[in-house]
Amino acid sequence: MIPLTVLPLFFVASWTLNIAPGPDMLYVIARSTGQGRRAGLVSALGITAGCLIQTSIVALGLASLLATVPLAYDLIKFVGAGYLIYLGLRMLFKRQNALLTPQIGNTGLWRIFLQGVLTNVLNPKVALFFLAFLPQFTSPTYGSVPLQIIQLGLLFDISGTLVNIIVAVLAGSVGLWLKRQARATKILNWLTGGVFIGIGVFLALLQRS
C-alpha cells in the first residue's frame, strides 16, 4: 500500500511535472495542431501506454536490485533526490522556448498511437526520471516497494493523461498561440524548477519510515 502521508506531496510533484512542457506534451501539441483534436487524443493515449511500460520496467528492475543489494533503497533515495535537484536547476536556467514543436505531416490514427508509445518508451530520460522519482514516495514499511512503484506510476500516468487530453483539446484551436508564448514558458520553467529543487531537498532530508 502507498504511504498516505506522502500522497499530497506526490500529487503536487506529479501535476507540476505533467504540466511542464516536455517531449510527450510537444508531440500531443504537434499532432493536435497538425491533424486536429482526435489525433491529439490518440497521441495522448499512446503516451499513456508508454508510461505504463516505463513504470513496469522500473518496478521489475528495482525489485531485483533491492533483493541483491540491501543498501540500494537508501542509495536510490539520495541519488534520486540529487537528480530532482539537478532537473530543477536545469529548468531554472533553461533559455530556449520549450514549446517550439516541429511540423508533423498527416498520419493514420494507429500509427499516431504507436508513435506516442515510442516517443515515451524510447526516451531514456523518462526511465531515468521514473527511477529517481517514484521510489522517493515509497517505504518498505508499507510492503512491497515495486508494488508501491506500480501504484504510484498508475496515479502519475492518470494525471499525465488528463493533462495531455486537456492539451490535445485546447491545442486544436489555440496550439499556435501556445507555441509562441516564450514568456509564459519561462515562468513555467521557473515554477517547475523551484518545485523540483524543493522536493529534492525535502526528500533527501526525509527520514525513512
N, C-alpha and C. Protein backbone atom coordinates (compact mmCIF):
# COMPACT_ATOMS: atom_id res chain seq x y z
N MET A 1 0.84 -1.20 0.00
CA MET A 1 0.00 0.00 0.00
C MET A 1 0.88 1.25 0.00
N ILE A 2 0.43 2.29 -0.68
CA ILE A 2 1.20 3.53 -0.75
C ILE A 2 1.10 4.27 0.59
N PRO A 3 2.23 4.78 1.13
CA PRO A 3 2.17 5.59 2.35
C PRO A 3 1.30 6.83 2.13
N LEU A 4 0.21 6.92 2.88
CA LEU A 4 -0.72 8.02 2.68
C LEU A 4 -0.11 9.38 3.01
N THR A 5 0.89 9.39 3.88
CA THR A 5 1.50 10.66 4.30
C THR A 5 2.23 11.37 3.17
N VAL A 6 2.64 10.61 2.16
CA VAL A 6 3.40 11.23 1.06
C VAL A 6 2.54 11.54 -0.15
N LEU A 7 1.28 11.11 -0.14
CA LEU A 7 0.43 11.30 -1.31
C LEU A 7 0.23 12.77 -1.68
N PRO A 8 -0.02 13.69 -0.71
CA PRO A 8 -0.17 15.10 -1.10
C PRO A 8 1.05 15.64 -1.84
N LEU A 9 2.24 15.34 -1.32
CA LEU A 9 3.47 15.80 -1.98
C LEU A 9 3.63 15.13 -3.34
N PHE A 10 3.26 13.86 -3.42
CA PHE A 10 3.37 13.15 -4.70
C PHE A 10 2.46 13.78 -5.75
N PHE A 11 1.23 14.12 -5.36
CA PHE A 11 0.30 14.72 -6.32
C PHE A 11 0.79 16.10 -6.77
N VAL A 12 1.33 16.89 -5.85
CA VAL A 12 1.87 18.20 -6.22
C VAL A 12 3.01 18.03 -7.22
N ALA A 13 3.92 17.11 -6.90
CA ALA A 13 5.07 16.87 -7.79
C ALA A 13 4.61 16.34 -9.14
N SER A 14 3.64 15.43 -9.14
CA SER A 14 3.17 14.83 -10.38
C SER A 14 2.52 15.86 -11.30
N TRP A 15 1.63 16.67 -10.74
CA TRP A 15 0.94 17.66 -11.56
C TRP A 15 1.91 18.73 -12.06
N THR A 16 2.88 19.09 -11.20
CA THR A 16 3.87 20.07 -11.63
C THR A 16 4.68 19.54 -12.80
N LEU A 17 5.08 18.28 -12.70
CA LEU A 17 5.85 17.67 -13.79
C LEU A 17 5.01 17.55 -15.06
N ASN A 18 3.78 17.11 -14.91
CA ASN A 18 2.95 16.83 -16.07
C ASN A 18 2.52 18.08 -16.83
N ILE A 19 2.45 19.23 -16.15
CA ILE A 19 2.08 20.45 -16.87
C ILE A 19 3.30 21.15 -17.47
N ALA A 20 4.50 20.67 -17.12
CA ALA A 20 5.71 21.26 -17.69
C ALA A 20 5.92 20.72 -19.10
N PRO A 21 6.19 21.59 -20.07
CA PRO A 21 6.38 21.14 -21.46
C PRO A 21 7.56 20.17 -21.58
N GLY A 22 7.34 19.08 -22.25
CA GLY A 22 8.37 18.09 -22.49
C GLY A 22 8.11 17.39 -23.81
N PRO A 23 8.92 16.39 -24.19
CA PRO A 23 8.73 15.71 -25.47
C PRO A 23 7.32 15.14 -25.66
N ASP A 24 6.75 14.58 -24.59
CA ASP A 24 5.41 14.00 -24.71
C ASP A 24 4.37 15.06 -25.03
N MET A 25 4.39 16.16 -24.27
CA MET A 25 3.42 17.22 -24.50
C MET A 25 3.63 17.86 -25.87
N LEU A 26 4.88 18.01 -26.26
CA LEU A 26 5.17 18.59 -27.57
C LEU A 26 4.60 17.73 -28.69
N TYR A 27 4.67 16.42 -28.52
CA TYR A 27 4.13 15.53 -29.53
C TYR A 27 2.61 15.68 -29.62
N VAL A 28 1.95 15.78 -28.46
CA VAL A 28 0.50 15.95 -28.44
C VAL A 28 0.11 17.28 -29.11
N ILE A 29 0.86 18.35 -28.78
CA ILE A 29 0.57 19.66 -29.37
C ILE A 29 0.76 19.61 -30.89
N ALA A 30 1.87 18.99 -31.31
CA ALA A 30 2.15 18.93 -32.74
C ALA A 30 1.08 18.16 -33.49
N ARG A 31 0.63 17.03 -32.93
CA ARG A 31 -0.41 16.25 -33.57
C ARG A 31 -1.74 17.00 -33.59
N SER A 32 -2.06 17.67 -32.49
CA SER A 32 -3.34 18.38 -32.39
C SER A 32 -3.39 19.55 -33.35
N THR A 33 -2.31 20.32 -33.42
CA THR A 33 -2.29 21.47 -34.31
C THR A 33 -2.21 21.04 -35.77
N GLY A 34 -1.56 19.89 -36.03
CA GLY A 34 -1.38 19.43 -37.40
C GLY A 34 -2.56 18.66 -37.97
N GLN A 35 -3.22 17.83 -37.11
CA GLN A 35 -4.29 16.97 -37.60
C GLN A 35 -5.59 17.08 -36.81
N GLY A 36 -5.64 17.93 -35.81
CA GLY A 36 -6.88 18.10 -35.07
C GLY A 36 -6.90 17.39 -33.73
N ARG A 37 -8.00 17.61 -33.01
CA ARG A 37 -8.11 17.10 -31.65
C ARG A 37 -8.09 15.57 -31.57
N ARG A 38 -8.72 14.92 -32.53
CA ARG A 38 -8.78 13.46 -32.50
C ARG A 38 -7.37 12.86 -32.54
N ALA A 39 -6.54 13.37 -33.41
CA ALA A 39 -5.16 12.89 -33.49
C ALA A 39 -4.41 13.19 -32.20
N GLY A 40 -4.68 14.35 -31.61
CA GLY A 40 -4.04 14.70 -30.35
C GLY A 40 -4.44 13.76 -29.23
N LEU A 41 -5.72 13.41 -29.17
CA LEU A 41 -6.21 12.49 -28.13
C LEU A 41 -5.59 11.11 -28.30
N VAL A 42 -5.48 10.64 -29.54
CA VAL A 42 -4.87 9.33 -29.79
C VAL A 42 -3.39 9.34 -29.40
N SER A 43 -2.70 10.42 -29.69
CA SER A 43 -1.29 10.51 -29.31
C SER A 43 -1.14 10.51 -27.79
N ALA A 44 -2.08 11.15 -27.09
CA ALA A 44 -2.04 11.17 -25.63
C ALA A 44 -2.21 9.76 -25.07
N LEU A 45 -3.10 8.97 -25.67
CA LEU A 45 -3.29 7.59 -25.22
C LEU A 45 -2.06 6.74 -25.51
N GLY A 46 -1.37 7.02 -26.60
CA GLY A 46 -0.13 6.31 -26.88
C GLY A 46 0.93 6.59 -25.82
N ILE A 47 1.02 7.83 -25.41
CA ILE A 47 1.97 8.20 -24.36
C ILE A 47 1.60 7.54 -23.04
N THR A 48 0.29 7.42 -22.77
CA THR A 48 -0.18 6.73 -21.57
C THR A 48 0.33 5.29 -21.56
N ALA A 49 0.21 4.60 -22.68
CA ALA A 49 0.69 3.22 -22.78
C ALA A 49 2.20 3.16 -22.58
N GLY A 50 2.92 4.14 -23.13
CA GLY A 50 4.36 4.18 -22.95
C GLY A 50 4.76 4.33 -21.50
N CYS A 51 4.04 5.18 -20.76
CA CYS A 51 4.33 5.38 -19.34
C CYS A 51 4.09 4.10 -18.54
N LEU A 52 3.06 3.35 -18.90
CA LEU A 52 2.80 2.08 -18.21
C LEU A 52 3.96 1.11 -18.42
N ILE A 53 4.49 1.09 -19.62
CA ILE A 53 5.64 0.22 -19.91
C ILE A 53 6.85 0.67 -19.10
N GLN A 54 7.10 1.97 -19.07
CA GLN A 54 8.24 2.50 -18.31
C GLN A 54 8.12 2.16 -16.82
N THR A 55 6.91 2.33 -16.28
CA THR A 55 6.70 2.04 -14.86
C THR A 55 6.97 0.57 -14.55
N SER A 56 6.52 -0.32 -15.42
CA SER A 56 6.73 -1.76 -15.22
C SER A 56 8.21 -2.10 -15.25
N ILE A 57 8.93 -1.51 -16.20
CA ILE A 57 10.36 -1.76 -16.30
C ILE A 57 11.09 -1.31 -15.05
N VAL A 58 10.76 -0.12 -14.57
CA VAL A 58 11.40 0.41 -13.36
C VAL A 58 11.08 -0.47 -12.16
N ALA A 59 9.81 -0.86 -12.01
CA ALA A 59 9.39 -1.67 -10.86
C ALA A 59 10.08 -3.03 -10.87
N LEU A 60 10.14 -3.70 -12.00
CA LEU A 60 10.75 -5.02 -12.08
C LEU A 60 12.26 -4.94 -11.87
N GLY A 61 12.88 -3.92 -12.46
CA GLY A 61 14.31 -3.75 -12.27
C GLY A 61 14.67 -3.44 -10.84
N LEU A 62 13.86 -2.61 -10.19
CA LEU A 62 14.12 -2.24 -8.80
C LEU A 62 13.91 -3.43 -7.88
N ALA A 63 12.98 -4.30 -8.20
CA ALA A 63 12.73 -5.48 -7.37
C ALA A 63 13.98 -6.34 -7.29
N SER A 64 14.63 -6.55 -8.43
CA SER A 64 15.85 -7.35 -8.45
C SER A 64 16.98 -6.66 -7.69
N LEU A 65 17.08 -5.35 -7.86
CA LEU A 65 18.14 -4.59 -7.20
C LEU A 65 17.99 -4.63 -5.69
N LEU A 66 16.77 -4.42 -5.18
CA LEU A 66 16.54 -4.42 -3.74
C LEU A 66 16.79 -5.79 -3.13
N ALA A 67 16.56 -6.83 -3.91
CA ALA A 67 16.75 -8.19 -3.40
C ALA A 67 18.23 -8.55 -3.27
N THR A 68 19.08 -7.94 -4.07
CA THR A 68 20.50 -8.30 -4.08
C THR A 68 21.39 -7.29 -3.34
N VAL A 69 20.93 -6.05 -3.21
CA VAL A 69 21.75 -5.01 -2.57
C VAL A 69 20.96 -4.38 -1.43
N PRO A 70 21.27 -4.72 -0.17
CA PRO A 70 20.50 -4.21 0.97
C PRO A 70 20.48 -2.69 1.08
N LEU A 71 21.57 -2.03 0.69
CA LEU A 71 21.65 -0.57 0.82
C LEU A 71 21.10 0.16 -0.42
N ALA A 72 20.52 -0.58 -1.35
CA ALA A 72 20.07 0.02 -2.60
C ALA A 72 18.97 1.05 -2.37
N TYR A 73 18.10 0.79 -1.39
CA TYR A 73 16.98 1.72 -1.16
C TYR A 73 17.50 3.11 -0.80
N ASP A 74 18.42 3.17 0.17
CA ASP A 74 18.96 4.47 0.57
C ASP A 74 19.76 5.11 -0.55
N LEU A 75 20.49 4.28 -1.31
CA LEU A 75 21.28 4.81 -2.42
C LEU A 75 20.37 5.45 -3.46
N ILE A 76 19.30 4.74 -3.82
CA ILE A 76 18.35 5.27 -4.79
C ILE A 76 17.70 6.55 -4.28
N LYS A 77 17.43 6.58 -2.98
CA LYS A 77 16.80 7.76 -2.39
C LYS A 77 17.65 9.00 -2.59
N PHE A 78 18.93 8.93 -2.24
CA PHE A 78 19.78 10.11 -2.30
C PHE A 78 20.17 10.46 -3.74
N VAL A 79 20.43 9.44 -4.56
CA VAL A 79 20.74 9.71 -5.96
C VAL A 79 19.53 10.32 -6.65
N GLY A 80 18.35 9.78 -6.35
CA GLY A 80 17.12 10.30 -6.94
C GLY A 80 16.84 11.73 -6.52
N ALA A 81 17.02 12.02 -5.23
CA ALA A 81 16.81 13.39 -4.75
C ALA A 81 17.78 14.35 -5.44
N GLY A 82 19.04 13.91 -5.59
CA GLY A 82 20.02 14.75 -6.28
C GLY A 82 19.65 14.99 -7.73
N TYR A 83 19.09 13.97 -8.37
CA TYR A 83 18.68 14.11 -9.77
C TYR A 83 17.52 15.09 -9.91
N LEU A 84 16.59 15.07 -8.97
CA LEU A 84 15.48 16.02 -9.00
C LEU A 84 15.98 17.45 -8.84
N ILE A 85 16.94 17.64 -7.94
CA ILE A 85 17.52 18.97 -7.76
C ILE A 85 18.23 19.41 -9.05
N TYR A 86 18.94 18.49 -9.68
CA TYR A 86 19.62 18.77 -10.95
C TYR A 86 18.61 19.18 -12.02
N LEU A 87 17.50 18.46 -12.12
CA LEU A 87 16.47 18.82 -13.09
C LEU A 87 15.91 20.20 -12.80
N GLY A 88 15.70 20.49 -11.51
CA GLY A 88 15.19 21.80 -11.12
C GLY A 88 16.12 22.92 -11.54
N LEU A 89 17.41 22.74 -11.33
CA LEU A 89 18.38 23.76 -11.72
C LEU A 89 18.41 23.94 -13.24
N ARG A 90 18.28 22.84 -13.98
CA ARG A 90 18.24 22.94 -15.44
C ARG A 90 17.02 23.74 -15.90
N MET A 91 15.88 23.52 -15.25
CA MET A 91 14.68 24.25 -15.61
C MET A 91 14.84 25.74 -15.32
N LEU A 92 15.49 26.07 -14.20
CA LEU A 92 15.67 27.47 -13.82
C LEU A 92 16.53 28.21 -14.84
N PHE A 93 17.53 27.53 -15.38
CA PHE A 93 18.47 28.20 -16.28
C PHE A 93 18.19 27.91 -17.75
N LYS A 94 17.05 27.30 -18.03
CA LYS A 94 16.69 26.98 -19.41
C LYS A 94 16.31 28.25 -20.15
N ARG A 95 16.83 28.44 -21.34
CA ARG A 95 16.59 29.68 -22.09
C ARG A 95 15.67 29.48 -23.29
N GLN A 96 15.80 28.34 -23.96
CA GLN A 96 15.05 28.17 -25.19
C GLN A 96 13.56 28.04 -24.92
N ASN A 97 12.78 28.33 -25.93
CA ASN A 97 11.33 28.19 -25.84
C ASN A 97 10.97 26.72 -25.94
N ALA A 98 10.57 26.12 -24.80
CA ALA A 98 10.32 24.69 -24.75
C ALA A 98 9.09 24.27 -25.51
N LEU A 99 8.28 25.22 -25.94
CA LEU A 99 7.04 24.88 -26.60
C LEU A 99 7.15 24.89 -28.12
N LEU A 100 8.35 25.14 -28.65
CA LEU A 100 8.50 25.08 -30.10
C LEU A 100 8.41 23.63 -30.55
N THR A 101 7.55 23.35 -31.47
CA THR A 101 7.36 21.98 -31.91
C THR A 101 7.56 21.88 -33.42
N PRO A 102 8.06 20.76 -33.88
CA PRO A 102 8.24 20.57 -35.32
C PRO A 102 6.91 20.32 -35.99
N GLN A 103 6.87 20.59 -37.27
CA GLN A 103 5.66 20.30 -38.03
C GLN A 103 5.62 18.81 -38.35
N ILE A 104 4.43 18.20 -38.18
CA ILE A 104 4.27 16.78 -38.41
C ILE A 104 3.20 16.58 -39.46
N GLY A 105 3.49 15.75 -40.45
CA GLY A 105 2.52 15.53 -41.51
C GLY A 105 1.38 14.62 -41.07
N ASN A 106 0.37 14.48 -41.93
CA ASN A 106 -0.78 13.65 -41.63
C ASN A 106 -0.38 12.17 -41.57
N THR A 107 -0.91 11.47 -40.56
CA THR A 107 -0.60 10.06 -40.35
C THR A 107 -1.86 9.37 -39.82
N GLY A 108 -1.98 8.06 -40.08
CA GLY A 108 -3.11 7.29 -39.58
C GLY A 108 -3.13 7.24 -38.07
N LEU A 109 -4.34 7.05 -37.49
CA LEU A 109 -4.50 7.09 -36.04
C LEU A 109 -3.72 5.98 -35.34
N TRP A 110 -3.72 4.77 -35.92
CA TRP A 110 -2.98 3.68 -35.28
C TRP A 110 -1.48 3.99 -35.24
N ARG A 111 -0.97 4.56 -36.30
CA ARG A 111 0.45 4.91 -36.34
C ARG A 111 0.73 6.06 -35.36
N ILE A 112 -0.20 6.98 -35.23
CA ILE A 112 -0.04 8.07 -34.26
C ILE A 112 0.05 7.50 -32.85
N PHE A 113 -0.79 6.51 -32.55
CA PHE A 113 -0.76 5.86 -31.24
C PHE A 113 0.60 5.21 -30.99
N LEU A 114 1.09 4.45 -31.96
CA LEU A 114 2.37 3.77 -31.81
C LEU A 114 3.52 4.78 -31.66
N GLN A 115 3.45 5.87 -32.40
CA GLN A 115 4.47 6.89 -32.27
C GLN A 115 4.44 7.53 -30.89
N GLY A 116 3.23 7.67 -30.33
CA GLY A 116 3.12 8.18 -28.97
C GLY A 116 3.79 7.25 -27.97
N VAL A 117 3.57 5.94 -28.15
CA VAL A 117 4.23 4.95 -27.28
C VAL A 117 5.74 5.07 -27.40
N LEU A 118 6.24 5.12 -28.64
CA LEU A 118 7.68 5.17 -28.86
C LEU A 118 8.29 6.48 -28.38
N THR A 119 7.53 7.58 -28.50
CA THR A 119 8.02 8.87 -28.01
C THR A 119 8.37 8.78 -26.54
N ASN A 120 7.57 8.02 -25.80
CA ASN A 120 7.79 7.88 -24.36
C ASN A 120 8.81 6.79 -24.04
N VAL A 121 8.62 5.59 -24.61
CA VAL A 121 9.45 4.44 -24.26
C VAL A 121 10.90 4.63 -24.69
N LEU A 122 11.12 5.24 -25.85
CA LEU A 122 12.48 5.39 -26.37
C LEU A 122 13.19 6.63 -25.85
N ASN A 123 12.57 7.32 -24.90
CA ASN A 123 13.22 8.47 -24.27
C ASN A 123 13.86 7.99 -22.96
N PRO A 124 15.19 7.79 -22.93
CA PRO A 124 15.83 7.26 -21.72
C PRO A 124 15.67 8.17 -20.52
N LYS A 125 15.43 9.46 -20.74
CA LYS A 125 15.26 10.37 -19.63
C LYS A 125 14.00 10.07 -18.83
N VAL A 126 12.99 9.52 -19.50
CA VAL A 126 11.75 9.17 -18.80
C VAL A 126 12.00 8.04 -17.81
N ALA A 127 12.69 6.98 -18.27
CA ALA A 127 13.00 5.87 -17.38
C ALA A 127 13.89 6.33 -16.23
N LEU A 128 14.88 7.17 -16.54
CA LEU A 128 15.77 7.68 -15.51
C LEU A 128 15.01 8.51 -14.50
N PHE A 129 14.07 9.33 -14.98
CA PHE A 129 13.28 10.15 -14.07
C PHE A 129 12.38 9.27 -13.20
N PHE A 130 11.73 8.29 -13.80
CA PHE A 130 10.87 7.41 -13.01
C PHE A 130 11.67 6.69 -11.93
N LEU A 131 12.87 6.23 -12.30
CA LEU A 131 13.72 5.53 -11.34
C LEU A 131 14.13 6.46 -10.20
N ALA A 132 14.32 7.75 -10.50
CA ALA A 132 14.70 8.70 -9.46
C ALA A 132 13.49 9.21 -8.69
N PHE A 133 12.34 9.30 -9.34
CA PHE A 133 11.18 9.97 -8.77
C PHE A 133 10.27 9.05 -7.96
N LEU A 134 9.82 7.96 -8.56
CA LEU A 134 8.81 7.12 -7.91
C LEU A 134 9.28 6.50 -6.59
N PRO A 135 10.52 5.96 -6.51
CA PRO A 135 10.92 5.34 -5.24
C PRO A 135 10.98 6.31 -4.07
N GLN A 136 11.05 7.62 -4.33
CA GLN A 136 11.12 8.60 -3.25
C GLN A 136 9.87 8.57 -2.38
N PHE A 137 8.77 8.10 -2.93
CA PHE A 137 7.49 8.14 -2.22
C PHE A 137 7.07 6.76 -1.72
N THR A 138 8.02 5.84 -1.64
CA THR A 138 7.74 4.50 -1.15
C THR A 138 8.42 4.27 0.20
N SER A 139 8.02 3.21 0.86
CA SER A 139 8.66 2.81 2.11
C SER A 139 8.50 1.31 2.29
N PRO A 140 9.58 0.58 2.62
CA PRO A 140 9.47 -0.87 2.85
C PRO A 140 8.51 -1.20 3.98
N THR A 141 8.28 -0.26 4.88
CA THR A 141 7.36 -0.48 5.99
C THR A 141 5.95 -0.80 5.50
N TYR A 142 5.59 -0.28 4.33
CA TYR A 142 4.24 -0.43 3.81
C TYR A 142 4.12 -1.59 2.81
N GLY A 143 5.11 -2.47 2.78
CA GLY A 143 5.01 -3.64 1.91
C GLY A 143 5.97 -3.57 0.74
N SER A 144 5.64 -4.27 -0.31
CA SER A 144 6.50 -4.38 -1.49
C SER A 144 6.74 -3.02 -2.14
N VAL A 145 8.01 -2.63 -2.23
CA VAL A 145 8.35 -1.36 -2.87
C VAL A 145 8.02 -1.38 -4.36
N PRO A 146 8.35 -2.44 -5.11
CA PRO A 146 7.97 -2.47 -6.52
C PRO A 146 6.46 -2.32 -6.73
N LEU A 147 5.64 -2.95 -5.85
CA LEU A 147 4.18 -2.80 -5.97
C LEU A 147 3.76 -1.36 -5.72
N GLN A 148 4.40 -0.71 -4.74
CA GLN A 148 4.10 0.70 -4.49
C GLN A 148 4.47 1.55 -5.71
N ILE A 149 5.59 1.21 -6.35
CA ILE A 149 6.02 1.95 -7.53
C ILE A 149 4.99 1.81 -8.65
N ILE A 150 4.46 0.61 -8.84
CA ILE A 150 3.43 0.41 -9.86
C ILE A 150 2.19 1.24 -9.55
N GLN A 151 1.78 1.26 -8.27
CA GLN A 151 0.61 2.05 -7.88
C GLN A 151 0.85 3.54 -8.11
N LEU A 152 2.02 4.01 -7.71
CA LEU A 152 2.35 5.42 -7.92
C LEU A 152 2.46 5.74 -9.40
N GLY A 153 3.03 4.80 -10.16
CA GLY A 153 3.14 5.00 -11.60
C GLY A 153 1.78 5.13 -12.27
N LEU A 154 0.82 4.34 -11.80
CA LEU A 154 -0.54 4.43 -12.35
C LEU A 154 -1.16 5.79 -12.04
N LEU A 155 -0.98 6.26 -10.80
CA LEU A 155 -1.51 7.57 -10.43
C LEU A 155 -0.85 8.68 -11.25
N PHE A 156 0.46 8.56 -11.42
CA PHE A 156 1.20 9.53 -12.22
C PHE A 156 0.71 9.52 -13.66
N ASP A 157 0.50 8.32 -14.18
CA ASP A 157 0.07 8.16 -15.57
C ASP A 157 -1.33 8.74 -15.77
N ILE A 158 -2.21 8.53 -14.79
CA ILE A 158 -3.57 9.08 -14.88
C ILE A 158 -3.54 10.60 -14.94
N SER A 159 -2.75 11.21 -14.05
CA SER A 159 -2.67 12.67 -14.04
C SER A 159 -2.06 13.19 -15.33
N GLY A 160 -1.03 12.49 -15.82
CA GLY A 160 -0.40 12.90 -17.07
C GLY A 160 -1.34 12.78 -18.26
N THR A 161 -2.15 11.72 -18.26
CA THR A 161 -3.11 11.53 -19.34
C THR A 161 -4.16 12.64 -19.34
N LEU A 162 -4.64 12.99 -18.16
CA LEU A 162 -5.63 14.07 -18.06
C LEU A 162 -5.05 15.38 -18.60
N VAL A 163 -3.80 15.66 -18.24
CA VAL A 163 -3.16 16.88 -18.73
C VAL A 163 -3.02 16.85 -20.25
N ASN A 164 -2.57 15.72 -20.78
CA ASN A 164 -2.38 15.61 -22.23
C ASN A 164 -3.70 15.68 -22.99
N ILE A 165 -4.76 15.15 -22.41
CA ILE A 165 -6.08 15.24 -23.04
C ILE A 165 -6.52 16.71 -23.11
N ILE A 166 -6.33 17.42 -22.01
CA ILE A 166 -6.68 18.85 -21.99
C ILE A 166 -5.86 19.61 -23.02
N VAL A 167 -4.56 19.29 -23.09
CA VAL A 167 -3.67 19.93 -24.06
C VAL A 167 -4.13 19.63 -25.48
N ALA A 168 -4.52 18.36 -25.74
CA ALA A 168 -4.96 17.98 -27.08
C ALA A 168 -6.21 18.75 -27.49
N VAL A 169 -7.14 18.90 -26.55
CA VAL A 169 -8.39 19.61 -26.86
C VAL A 169 -8.12 21.09 -27.13
N LEU A 170 -7.28 21.69 -26.27
CA LEU A 170 -7.01 23.11 -26.42
C LEU A 170 -6.11 23.41 -27.62
N ALA A 171 -5.13 22.54 -27.83
CA ALA A 171 -4.15 22.80 -28.89
C ALA A 171 -4.77 22.75 -30.27
N GLY A 172 -5.89 22.06 -30.40
CA GLY A 172 -6.55 22.02 -31.69
C GLY A 172 -6.98 23.39 -32.18
N SER A 173 -7.25 24.30 -31.23
CA SER A 173 -7.70 25.64 -31.62
C SER A 173 -6.71 26.75 -31.25
N VAL A 174 -5.93 26.53 -30.19
CA VAL A 174 -5.02 27.60 -29.76
C VAL A 174 -3.57 27.14 -29.74
N GLY A 175 -3.26 26.02 -30.42
CA GLY A 175 -1.90 25.48 -30.39
C GLY A 175 -0.86 26.45 -30.89
N LEU A 176 -1.15 27.16 -31.96
CA LEU A 176 -0.17 28.10 -32.50
C LEU A 176 0.14 29.21 -31.50
N TRP A 177 -0.90 29.66 -30.78
CA TRP A 177 -0.66 30.70 -29.76
C TRP A 177 0.21 30.16 -28.64
N LEU A 178 -0.06 28.93 -28.22
CA LEU A 178 0.72 28.33 -27.14
C LEU A 178 2.20 28.23 -27.51
N LYS A 179 2.47 27.85 -28.74
CA LYS A 179 3.86 27.62 -29.15
C LYS A 179 4.68 28.91 -29.21
N ARG A 180 4.03 30.06 -29.23
CA ARG A 180 4.76 31.32 -29.38
C ARG A 180 4.91 32.10 -28.07
N GLN A 181 4.41 31.55 -26.97
CA GLN A 181 4.46 32.28 -25.71
C GLN A 181 5.74 31.99 -24.95
N ALA A 182 6.84 32.58 -25.38
CA ALA A 182 8.14 32.35 -24.75
C ALA A 182 8.14 32.81 -23.29
N ARG A 183 7.49 33.94 -23.01
CA ARG A 183 7.49 34.46 -21.64
C ARG A 183 6.74 33.52 -20.70
N ALA A 184 5.60 33.00 -21.15
CA ALA A 184 4.84 32.06 -20.33
C ALA A 184 5.65 30.79 -20.08
N THR A 185 6.37 30.33 -21.09
CA THR A 185 7.21 29.15 -20.94
C THR A 185 8.31 29.38 -19.91
N LYS A 186 8.91 30.56 -19.92
CA LYS A 186 9.98 30.87 -18.98
C LYS A 186 9.47 30.87 -17.54
N ILE A 187 8.29 31.45 -17.33
CA ILE A 187 7.71 31.47 -15.98
C ILE A 187 7.40 30.05 -15.52
N LEU A 188 6.87 29.24 -16.44
CA LEU A 188 6.56 27.86 -16.11
C LEU A 188 7.82 27.08 -15.78
N ASN A 189 8.91 27.34 -16.50
CA ASN A 189 10.18 26.68 -16.19
C ASN A 189 10.67 27.04 -14.80
N TRP A 190 10.56 28.33 -14.44
CA TRP A 190 10.98 28.76 -13.10
C TRP A 190 10.15 28.07 -12.03
N LEU A 191 8.85 28.03 -12.24
CA LEU A 191 7.97 27.41 -11.26
C LEU A 191 8.29 25.92 -11.10
N THR A 192 8.42 25.24 -12.23
CA THR A 192 8.72 23.81 -12.19
C THR A 192 10.08 23.55 -11.56
N GLY A 193 11.08 24.33 -11.96
CA GLY A 193 12.41 24.16 -11.40
C GLY A 193 12.45 24.36 -9.90
N GLY A 194 11.76 25.40 -9.42
CA GLY A 194 11.72 25.66 -7.99
C GLY A 194 11.06 24.53 -7.22
N VAL A 195 9.97 24.00 -7.77
CA VAL A 195 9.28 22.90 -7.10
C VAL A 195 10.16 21.65 -7.07
N PHE A 196 10.85 21.35 -8.17
CA PHE A 196 11.72 20.18 -8.21
C PHE A 196 12.85 20.29 -7.19
N ILE A 197 13.46 21.45 -7.11
CA ILE A 197 14.55 21.64 -6.14
C ILE A 197 14.02 21.47 -4.72
N GLY A 198 12.88 22.08 -4.44
CA GLY A 198 12.29 21.97 -3.11
C GLY A 198 11.96 20.54 -2.75
N ILE A 199 11.39 19.80 -3.69
CA ILE A 199 11.04 18.40 -3.44
C ILE A 199 12.30 17.56 -3.25
N GLY A 200 13.33 17.82 -4.07
CA GLY A 200 14.57 17.07 -3.94
C GLY A 200 15.22 17.25 -2.58
N VAL A 201 15.27 18.49 -2.11
CA VAL A 201 15.84 18.77 -0.78
C VAL A 201 15.00 18.12 0.32
N PHE A 202 13.67 18.26 0.20
CA PHE A 202 12.78 17.69 1.22
C PHE A 202 12.94 16.17 1.31
N LEU A 203 12.98 15.50 0.15
CA LEU A 203 13.08 14.05 0.14
C LEU A 203 14.45 13.57 0.63
N ALA A 204 15.49 14.36 0.36
CA ALA A 204 16.83 13.97 0.83
C ALA A 204 16.89 14.02 2.35
N LEU A 205 16.14 14.93 2.95
CA LEU A 205 16.15 15.09 4.40
C LEU A 205 15.10 14.24 5.09
N LEU A 206 14.18 13.67 4.33
CA LEU A 206 13.10 12.88 4.91
C LEU A 206 13.62 11.58 5.46
N GLN A 207 13.26 11.27 6.70
CA GLN A 207 13.71 10.04 7.34
C GLN A 207 12.92 8.87 6.82
N ARG A 208 13.60 7.78 6.63
CA ARG A 208 12.95 6.57 6.16
C ARG A 208 12.05 6.02 7.27
N SER A 209 10.79 5.62 6.89
CA SER A 209 9.84 5.12 7.87
C SER A 209 10.25 3.74 8.39
